[in-house]
N, C-alpha and C. Protein backbone atom coordinates (compact mmCIF):
# COMPACT_ATOMS: atom_id res chain seq x y z
N MET A 1 0.82 -1.19 0.00
CA MET A 1 0.00 0.00 0.00
C MET A 1 0.87 1.26 0.00
N LYS A 2 1.98 1.22 0.79
CA LYS A 2 2.87 2.37 0.86
C LYS A 2 3.51 2.64 -0.50
N ILE A 3 3.85 1.59 -1.25
CA ILE A 3 4.46 1.75 -2.58
C ILE A 3 3.48 2.42 -3.53
N ILE A 4 2.23 2.03 -3.49
CA ILE A 4 1.21 2.63 -4.36
C ILE A 4 1.03 4.10 -4.03
N ALA A 5 0.99 4.44 -2.75
CA ALA A 5 0.84 5.84 -2.34
C ALA A 5 2.04 6.66 -2.79
N THR A 6 3.23 6.12 -2.65
CA THR A 6 4.45 6.82 -3.09
C THR A 6 4.44 7.02 -4.59
N ALA A 7 4.09 5.99 -5.34
CA ALA A 7 4.04 6.09 -6.81
C ALA A 7 2.99 7.10 -7.24
N THR A 8 1.84 7.11 -6.58
CA THR A 8 0.78 8.06 -6.91
C THR A 8 1.25 9.49 -6.65
N LEU A 9 1.92 9.72 -5.52
CA LEU A 9 2.44 11.04 -5.21
C LEU A 9 3.49 11.47 -6.24
N ALA A 10 4.39 10.57 -6.60
CA ALA A 10 5.42 10.89 -7.60
C ALA A 10 4.78 11.26 -8.92
N PHE A 11 3.77 10.50 -9.35
CA PHE A 11 3.09 10.79 -10.61
C PHE A 11 2.40 12.15 -10.55
N ALA A 12 1.74 12.45 -9.44
CA ALA A 12 1.05 13.73 -9.28
C ALA A 12 2.04 14.88 -9.36
N LEU A 13 3.21 14.73 -8.77
CA LEU A 13 4.22 15.78 -8.83
C LEU A 13 4.74 15.97 -10.25
N LEU A 14 4.88 14.88 -11.01
CA LEU A 14 5.35 14.99 -12.39
C LEU A 14 4.36 15.73 -13.26
N ILE A 15 3.07 15.44 -13.12
CA ILE A 15 2.09 16.07 -14.00
C ILE A 15 1.76 17.49 -13.57
N ALA A 16 2.21 17.91 -12.40
CA ALA A 16 1.96 19.28 -11.96
C ALA A 16 2.81 20.28 -12.74
N ALA A 17 3.74 19.80 -13.56
CA ALA A 17 4.58 20.63 -14.43
C ALA A 17 5.29 21.76 -13.69
N PRO A 18 6.26 21.42 -12.84
CA PRO A 18 7.01 22.46 -12.15
C PRO A 18 7.87 23.24 -13.14
N PRO A 19 8.38 24.41 -12.75
CA PRO A 19 9.29 25.13 -13.64
C PRO A 19 10.49 24.26 -13.99
N VAL A 20 11.08 24.52 -15.16
CA VAL A 20 12.23 23.76 -15.62
C VAL A 20 13.48 24.35 -14.98
N LEU A 21 14.34 23.51 -14.42
CA LEU A 21 15.55 23.97 -13.75
C LEU A 21 16.78 23.44 -14.46
N ALA A 22 17.87 24.17 -14.40
CA ALA A 22 19.13 23.71 -14.98
C ALA A 22 20.28 24.42 -14.30
N GLU A 23 21.49 24.05 -14.68
CA GLU A 23 22.72 24.65 -14.16
C GLU A 23 22.68 24.75 -12.65
N GLY A 24 22.57 23.58 -12.00
CA GLY A 24 22.54 23.59 -10.54
C GLY A 24 21.29 24.24 -10.00
N ASP A 25 20.18 24.07 -10.70
CA ASP A 25 18.90 24.65 -10.29
C ASP A 25 18.96 26.18 -10.27
N GLU A 26 19.74 26.79 -11.15
CA GLU A 26 19.88 28.24 -11.15
C GLU A 26 19.01 28.94 -12.18
N VAL A 27 18.60 28.26 -13.25
CA VAL A 27 17.80 28.89 -14.29
C VAL A 27 16.42 28.26 -14.31
N VAL A 28 15.40 29.10 -14.27
CA VAL A 28 14.02 28.64 -14.27
C VAL A 28 13.32 29.25 -15.48
N ILE A 29 12.59 28.44 -16.24
CA ILE A 29 11.76 28.91 -17.34
C ILE A 29 10.32 28.86 -16.85
N GLU A 30 9.63 29.99 -16.95
CA GLU A 30 8.23 30.04 -16.54
C GLU A 30 7.37 30.64 -17.64
N SER A 31 6.11 30.27 -17.64
CA SER A 31 5.08 30.87 -18.48
C SER A 31 5.39 30.84 -19.97
N ALA A 32 5.97 29.74 -20.45
CA ALA A 32 6.27 29.62 -21.88
C ALA A 32 4.98 29.48 -22.67
N TRP A 33 4.91 30.15 -23.84
CA TRP A 33 3.77 30.03 -24.74
C TRP A 33 4.15 30.50 -26.14
N SER A 34 3.33 30.14 -27.12
CA SER A 34 3.55 30.56 -28.49
C SER A 34 2.20 30.72 -29.17
N ARG A 35 2.23 31.17 -30.42
CA ARG A 35 1.00 31.36 -31.20
C ARG A 35 0.98 30.39 -32.37
N ALA A 36 -0.22 30.01 -32.77
CA ALA A 36 -0.39 29.17 -33.96
C ALA A 36 0.10 29.94 -35.18
N SER A 37 0.52 29.21 -36.20
CA SER A 37 1.01 29.82 -37.43
C SER A 37 0.03 29.58 -38.57
N ILE A 38 0.20 30.35 -39.62
CA ILE A 38 -0.51 30.10 -40.86
C ILE A 38 0.47 29.33 -41.73
N GLY A 39 0.37 28.02 -41.72
CA GLY A 39 1.30 27.20 -42.50
C GLY A 39 2.72 27.31 -41.98
N THR A 40 3.68 27.25 -42.94
CA THR A 40 5.10 27.30 -42.57
C THR A 40 5.85 28.42 -43.28
N SER A 41 5.16 29.24 -44.07
CA SER A 41 5.86 30.26 -44.85
C SER A 41 6.28 31.47 -44.03
N ARG A 42 5.68 31.68 -42.88
CA ARG A 42 6.04 32.80 -42.01
C ARG A 42 6.66 32.25 -40.72
N PRO A 43 7.52 33.03 -40.07
CA PRO A 43 8.13 32.54 -38.83
C PRO A 43 7.12 32.45 -37.69
N GLY A 44 7.42 31.59 -36.73
CA GLY A 44 6.64 31.50 -35.51
C GLY A 44 7.34 32.27 -34.40
N VAL A 45 6.69 32.37 -33.25
CA VAL A 45 7.25 33.06 -32.10
C VAL A 45 7.02 32.25 -30.83
N ALA A 46 7.82 32.52 -29.83
CA ALA A 46 7.61 31.93 -28.50
C ALA A 46 8.03 32.96 -27.47
N TYR A 47 7.37 32.89 -26.32
CA TYR A 47 7.60 33.83 -25.24
C TYR A 47 7.73 33.06 -23.93
N MET A 48 8.41 33.65 -22.95
CA MET A 48 8.60 33.02 -21.65
C MET A 48 9.34 33.97 -20.73
N ALA A 49 9.45 33.59 -19.48
CA ALA A 49 10.28 34.31 -18.52
C ALA A 49 11.46 33.43 -18.16
N LEU A 50 12.66 33.99 -18.16
CA LEU A 50 13.88 33.28 -17.79
C LEU A 50 14.38 33.88 -16.48
N ILE A 51 14.46 33.06 -15.45
CA ILE A 51 14.79 33.54 -14.11
C ILE A 51 16.12 32.92 -13.66
N ASN A 52 17.06 33.75 -13.27
CA ASN A 52 18.34 33.28 -12.74
C ASN A 52 18.26 33.35 -11.22
N THR A 53 18.13 32.20 -10.59
CA THR A 53 18.05 32.14 -9.14
C THR A 53 19.42 31.96 -8.49
N GLY A 54 20.47 31.91 -9.31
CA GLY A 54 21.82 31.67 -8.80
C GLY A 54 22.55 32.94 -8.41
N ASP A 55 23.84 32.75 -8.11
CA ASP A 55 24.69 33.86 -7.66
C ASP A 55 25.62 34.39 -8.75
N ALA A 56 25.55 33.81 -9.95
CA ALA A 56 26.42 34.24 -11.05
C ALA A 56 25.59 34.50 -12.30
N PRO A 57 26.07 35.35 -13.18
CA PRO A 57 25.35 35.58 -14.43
C PRO A 57 25.25 34.28 -15.24
N VAL A 58 24.17 34.15 -16.00
CA VAL A 58 23.97 33.02 -16.90
C VAL A 58 23.75 33.60 -18.29
N VAL A 59 24.38 32.99 -19.30
CA VAL A 59 24.27 33.49 -20.66
C VAL A 59 23.58 32.44 -21.53
N VAL A 60 22.49 32.85 -22.19
CA VAL A 60 21.83 32.02 -23.18
C VAL A 60 22.50 32.32 -24.51
N SER A 61 23.11 31.30 -25.13
CA SER A 61 23.89 31.51 -26.35
C SER A 61 23.26 30.86 -27.58
N GLY A 62 22.18 30.13 -27.42
CA GLY A 62 21.54 29.51 -28.57
C GLY A 62 20.24 28.84 -28.20
N LEU A 63 19.56 28.35 -29.22
CA LEU A 63 18.28 27.66 -29.06
C LEU A 63 18.26 26.43 -29.95
N ARG A 64 17.42 25.46 -29.57
CA ARG A 64 17.26 24.26 -30.39
C ARG A 64 15.81 23.79 -30.31
N THR A 65 15.23 23.45 -31.46
CA THR A 65 13.92 22.83 -31.52
C THR A 65 13.80 22.12 -32.87
N ASP A 66 13.04 21.02 -32.90
CA ASP A 66 12.83 20.37 -34.18
C ASP A 66 11.71 21.05 -34.97
N LEU A 67 11.05 22.03 -34.38
CA LEU A 67 9.97 22.76 -35.04
C LEU A 67 10.49 23.75 -36.08
N ALA A 68 11.68 24.32 -35.85
CA ALA A 68 12.22 25.35 -36.73
C ALA A 68 13.70 25.10 -37.00
N ALA A 69 14.10 25.33 -38.25
CA ALA A 69 15.50 25.12 -38.61
C ALA A 69 16.40 26.21 -38.04
N MET A 70 15.85 27.41 -37.82
CA MET A 70 16.66 28.53 -37.33
C MET A 70 15.96 29.25 -36.17
N PRO A 71 15.96 28.66 -35.00
CA PRO A 71 15.40 29.39 -33.86
C PRO A 71 16.42 30.40 -33.35
N MET A 72 15.98 31.60 -33.02
CA MET A 72 16.88 32.62 -32.51
C MET A 72 16.14 33.60 -31.62
N ILE A 73 16.90 34.28 -30.80
CA ILE A 73 16.31 35.33 -29.97
C ILE A 73 16.46 36.65 -30.71
N HIS A 74 15.36 37.38 -30.80
CA HIS A 74 15.35 38.70 -31.43
C HIS A 74 14.94 39.74 -30.41
N ALA A 75 15.36 40.97 -30.65
CA ALA A 75 14.94 42.12 -29.86
C ALA A 75 14.19 43.07 -30.77
N SER A 76 13.03 43.52 -30.34
CA SER A 76 12.28 44.54 -31.07
C SER A 76 12.58 45.90 -30.46
N THR A 77 12.87 46.87 -31.31
CA THR A 77 13.10 48.24 -30.86
C THR A 77 12.33 49.18 -31.77
N THR A 78 11.87 50.29 -31.22
CA THR A 78 11.13 51.30 -31.98
C THR A 78 11.92 52.60 -31.93
N ASP A 79 12.19 53.19 -33.11
CA ASP A 79 12.96 54.43 -33.14
C ASP A 79 12.06 55.65 -32.94
N ALA A 80 12.65 56.85 -32.97
CA ALA A 80 11.92 58.09 -32.70
C ALA A 80 10.82 58.36 -33.73
N GLN A 81 10.94 57.78 -34.93
CA GLN A 81 9.93 57.96 -35.96
C GLN A 81 8.82 56.90 -35.87
N GLY A 82 8.90 56.02 -34.87
CA GLY A 82 7.88 55.01 -34.69
C GLY A 82 8.08 53.75 -35.52
N VAL A 83 9.25 53.61 -36.13
CA VAL A 83 9.55 52.43 -36.93
C VAL A 83 10.14 51.34 -36.03
N THR A 84 9.51 50.17 -36.06
CA THR A 84 9.96 49.04 -35.24
C THR A 84 10.84 48.12 -36.07
N ARG A 85 11.96 47.72 -35.48
CA ARG A 85 12.88 46.80 -36.14
C ARG A 85 13.18 45.65 -35.19
N MET A 86 13.53 44.52 -35.79
CA MET A 86 13.97 43.37 -35.01
C MET A 86 15.43 43.10 -35.33
N SER A 87 16.19 42.74 -34.30
CA SER A 87 17.59 42.37 -34.52
C SER A 87 17.89 41.08 -33.76
N HIS A 88 18.73 40.27 -34.37
CA HIS A 88 19.14 39.00 -33.78
C HIS A 88 20.08 39.26 -32.61
N MET A 89 19.84 38.56 -31.51
CA MET A 89 20.70 38.66 -30.33
C MET A 89 21.60 37.42 -30.30
N GLU A 90 22.91 37.61 -30.37
CA GLU A 90 23.84 36.48 -30.32
C GLU A 90 23.76 35.76 -28.99
N GLU A 91 23.57 36.54 -27.91
CA GLU A 91 23.44 35.95 -26.58
C GLU A 91 22.64 36.90 -25.70
N VAL A 92 22.07 36.32 -24.66
CA VAL A 92 21.31 37.10 -23.68
C VAL A 92 21.83 36.72 -22.30
N GLU A 93 22.27 37.72 -21.55
CA GLU A 93 22.78 37.49 -20.20
C GLU A 93 21.67 37.74 -19.18
N ILE A 94 21.58 36.83 -18.22
CA ILE A 94 20.61 36.98 -17.13
C ILE A 94 21.42 37.17 -15.85
N ALA A 95 21.32 38.33 -15.25
CA ALA A 95 22.07 38.65 -14.04
C ALA A 95 21.54 37.82 -12.86
N PRO A 96 22.37 37.61 -11.85
CA PRO A 96 21.92 36.86 -10.68
C PRO A 96 20.68 37.49 -10.05
N GLY A 97 19.70 36.66 -9.76
CA GLY A 97 18.48 37.14 -9.13
C GLY A 97 17.53 37.88 -10.05
N GLU A 98 17.86 37.98 -11.32
CA GLU A 98 17.05 38.75 -12.26
C GLU A 98 16.18 37.84 -13.14
N THR A 99 15.16 38.45 -13.74
CA THR A 99 14.28 37.79 -14.70
C THR A 99 14.39 38.52 -16.02
N VAL A 100 14.56 37.78 -17.11
CA VAL A 100 14.51 38.34 -18.45
C VAL A 100 13.20 37.88 -19.07
N ALA A 101 12.38 38.84 -19.45
CA ALA A 101 11.08 38.53 -20.05
C ALA A 101 11.22 38.48 -21.56
N LEU A 102 10.82 37.37 -22.15
CA LEU A 102 10.70 37.27 -23.59
C LEU A 102 9.21 37.42 -23.87
N GLU A 103 8.83 38.57 -24.42
CA GLU A 103 7.42 38.93 -24.53
C GLU A 103 7.16 39.72 -25.81
N PRO A 104 5.90 39.80 -26.23
CA PRO A 104 5.57 40.56 -27.43
C PRO A 104 6.07 42.01 -27.31
N GLY A 105 6.70 42.51 -28.37
CA GLY A 105 7.19 43.88 -28.39
C GLY A 105 8.57 44.07 -27.80
N GLY A 106 9.19 43.00 -27.31
CA GLY A 106 10.53 43.11 -26.72
C GLY A 106 11.38 41.95 -27.18
N LEU A 107 12.17 41.40 -26.27
CA LEU A 107 12.91 40.18 -26.58
C LEU A 107 11.90 39.06 -26.81
N HIS A 108 12.18 38.20 -27.78
CA HIS A 108 11.29 37.08 -28.06
C HIS A 108 12.04 36.03 -28.87
N VAL A 109 11.51 34.81 -28.89
CA VAL A 109 12.09 33.75 -29.70
C VAL A 109 11.44 33.79 -31.08
N MET A 110 12.25 33.88 -32.12
CA MET A 110 11.77 33.78 -33.50
C MET A 110 12.07 32.36 -33.98
N LEU A 111 11.05 31.74 -34.54
CA LEU A 111 11.18 30.38 -35.05
C LEU A 111 11.18 30.45 -36.57
N MET A 112 12.36 30.64 -37.14
CA MET A 112 12.52 30.82 -38.58
C MET A 112 12.59 29.46 -39.27
N ASP A 113 12.06 29.42 -40.49
CA ASP A 113 12.05 28.22 -41.31
C ASP A 113 11.33 27.07 -40.59
N LEU A 114 10.04 27.29 -40.32
CA LEU A 114 9.23 26.27 -39.65
C LEU A 114 9.26 24.97 -40.44
N GLN A 115 9.37 23.87 -39.74
CA GLN A 115 9.41 22.55 -40.36
C GLN A 115 8.03 21.92 -40.45
N ARG A 116 7.08 22.48 -39.70
CA ARG A 116 5.69 22.04 -39.74
C ARG A 116 4.85 23.19 -39.18
N PRO A 117 3.56 23.21 -39.50
CA PRO A 117 2.72 24.29 -38.96
C PRO A 117 2.62 24.21 -37.45
N MET A 118 2.43 25.36 -36.84
CA MET A 118 2.19 25.45 -35.40
C MET A 118 0.68 25.44 -35.21
N VAL A 119 0.17 24.36 -34.63
CA VAL A 119 -1.27 24.13 -34.54
C VAL A 119 -1.75 24.40 -33.11
N GLU A 120 -2.78 25.24 -33.01
CA GLU A 120 -3.36 25.55 -31.70
C GLU A 120 -3.73 24.27 -30.96
N GLY A 121 -3.37 24.21 -29.69
CA GLY A 121 -3.66 23.05 -28.86
C GLY A 121 -2.51 22.06 -28.79
N GLU A 122 -1.56 22.16 -29.72
CA GLU A 122 -0.37 21.31 -29.65
C GLU A 122 0.72 22.02 -28.86
N SER A 123 1.87 21.39 -28.76
CA SER A 123 3.03 21.99 -28.09
C SER A 123 4.29 21.49 -28.77
N PHE A 124 5.41 22.11 -28.43
CA PHE A 124 6.70 21.68 -28.96
C PHE A 124 7.76 21.89 -27.89
N THR A 125 8.88 21.20 -28.04
CA THR A 125 9.98 21.33 -27.10
C THR A 125 10.96 22.37 -27.63
N LEU A 126 11.35 23.29 -26.77
CA LEU A 126 12.33 24.31 -27.08
C LEU A 126 13.44 24.21 -26.05
N SER A 127 14.69 24.10 -26.50
CA SER A 127 15.83 24.04 -25.59
C SER A 127 16.64 25.32 -25.69
N LEU A 128 16.95 25.90 -24.53
CA LEU A 128 17.87 27.02 -24.46
C LEU A 128 19.25 26.46 -24.22
N ILE A 129 20.21 26.92 -24.99
CA ILE A 129 21.59 26.46 -24.84
C ILE A 129 22.35 27.54 -24.09
N LEU A 130 22.93 27.17 -22.97
CA LEU A 130 23.70 28.11 -22.16
C LEU A 130 25.15 28.13 -22.59
N ALA A 131 25.85 29.21 -22.29
CA ALA A 131 27.24 29.38 -22.73
C ALA A 131 28.14 28.23 -22.29
N GLY A 132 27.85 27.61 -21.16
CA GLY A 132 28.65 26.48 -20.68
C GLY A 132 28.32 25.17 -21.36
N GLY A 133 27.36 25.17 -22.28
CA GLY A 133 26.98 23.95 -22.99
C GLY A 133 25.75 23.26 -22.43
N GLU A 134 25.30 23.66 -21.24
CA GLU A 134 24.10 23.06 -20.67
C GLU A 134 22.88 23.45 -21.50
N GLU A 135 21.87 22.60 -21.49
CA GLU A 135 20.62 22.89 -22.19
C GLU A 135 19.46 22.81 -21.21
N ILE A 136 18.51 23.70 -21.39
CA ILE A 136 17.28 23.71 -20.60
C ILE A 136 16.15 23.49 -21.59
N ALA A 137 15.38 22.42 -21.41
CA ALA A 137 14.26 22.14 -22.32
C ALA A 137 12.96 22.52 -21.65
N ALA A 138 12.08 23.13 -22.42
CA ALA A 138 10.75 23.48 -21.94
C ALA A 138 9.73 23.06 -22.99
N GLU A 139 8.59 22.61 -22.54
CA GLU A 139 7.48 22.30 -23.42
C GLU A 139 6.67 23.58 -23.59
N VAL A 140 6.49 24.01 -24.85
CA VAL A 140 5.85 25.29 -25.13
C VAL A 140 4.47 25.04 -25.75
N PRO A 141 3.40 25.40 -25.06
CA PRO A 141 2.06 25.22 -25.62
C PRO A 141 1.80 26.24 -26.74
N ILE A 142 1.06 25.80 -27.75
CA ILE A 142 0.70 26.66 -28.87
C ILE A 142 -0.74 27.14 -28.66
N LEU A 143 -0.89 28.45 -28.51
CA LEU A 143 -2.19 29.05 -28.29
C LEU A 143 -2.76 29.53 -29.63
N GLY A 144 -3.90 30.17 -29.61
CA GLY A 144 -4.54 30.68 -30.83
C GLY A 144 -3.69 31.71 -31.54
N ILE A 145 -3.94 31.88 -32.82
CA ILE A 145 -3.12 32.77 -33.66
C ILE A 145 -3.17 34.22 -33.21
N ALA A 146 -4.26 34.65 -32.59
CA ALA A 146 -4.39 36.04 -32.13
C ALA A 146 -4.16 36.17 -30.63
N SER A 147 -3.69 35.14 -29.98
CA SER A 147 -3.51 35.16 -28.53
C SER A 147 -2.53 36.23 -28.11
N ARG A 148 -2.80 36.80 -26.95
CA ARG A 148 -1.90 37.80 -26.37
C ARG A 148 -1.23 37.23 -25.13
N GLY A 149 -1.40 35.93 -24.90
CA GLY A 149 -0.76 35.27 -23.78
C GLY A 149 -1.64 34.22 -23.16
N PRO A 150 -1.08 33.48 -22.21
CA PRO A 150 -1.81 32.38 -21.59
C PRO A 150 -3.12 32.79 -20.91
N ALA A 151 -3.25 34.07 -20.51
CA ALA A 151 -4.47 34.50 -19.82
C ALA A 151 -5.64 34.70 -20.78
N ASP A 152 -5.38 34.72 -22.09
CA ASP A 152 -6.47 34.89 -23.08
C ASP A 152 -7.45 33.76 -23.02
């Protein structure tokens, strides 16, 4: 009976989907989400919060997913004339105790060269590659094409 109770508790903890931890439990990914795509001709996007709970800076130096051939982090900026541009970020540093938000209108994951459509209700695995070679994998749910976030 004790074994069944322990197994049931372990299973319940697994399905509760705790934040993803890596690098000595120093990096946490929270609130990951993305939007459905129209086919594969346009890039997809993903958003999340990256939290450094450690005592040293952590650098995200790359991304990996089987959903897109060229996943990258982009930054959106708007100039004085109101023109918005996106630029590729080679790396993103997360200071100790800080959170970096990847959100609409700011830093975000661009999923270039989609390998399959992003379908509402499905999900995909996205791995952040840290400068030390460690990888953090998160399951990213795909919301509706017009979604503004998980609260929609």
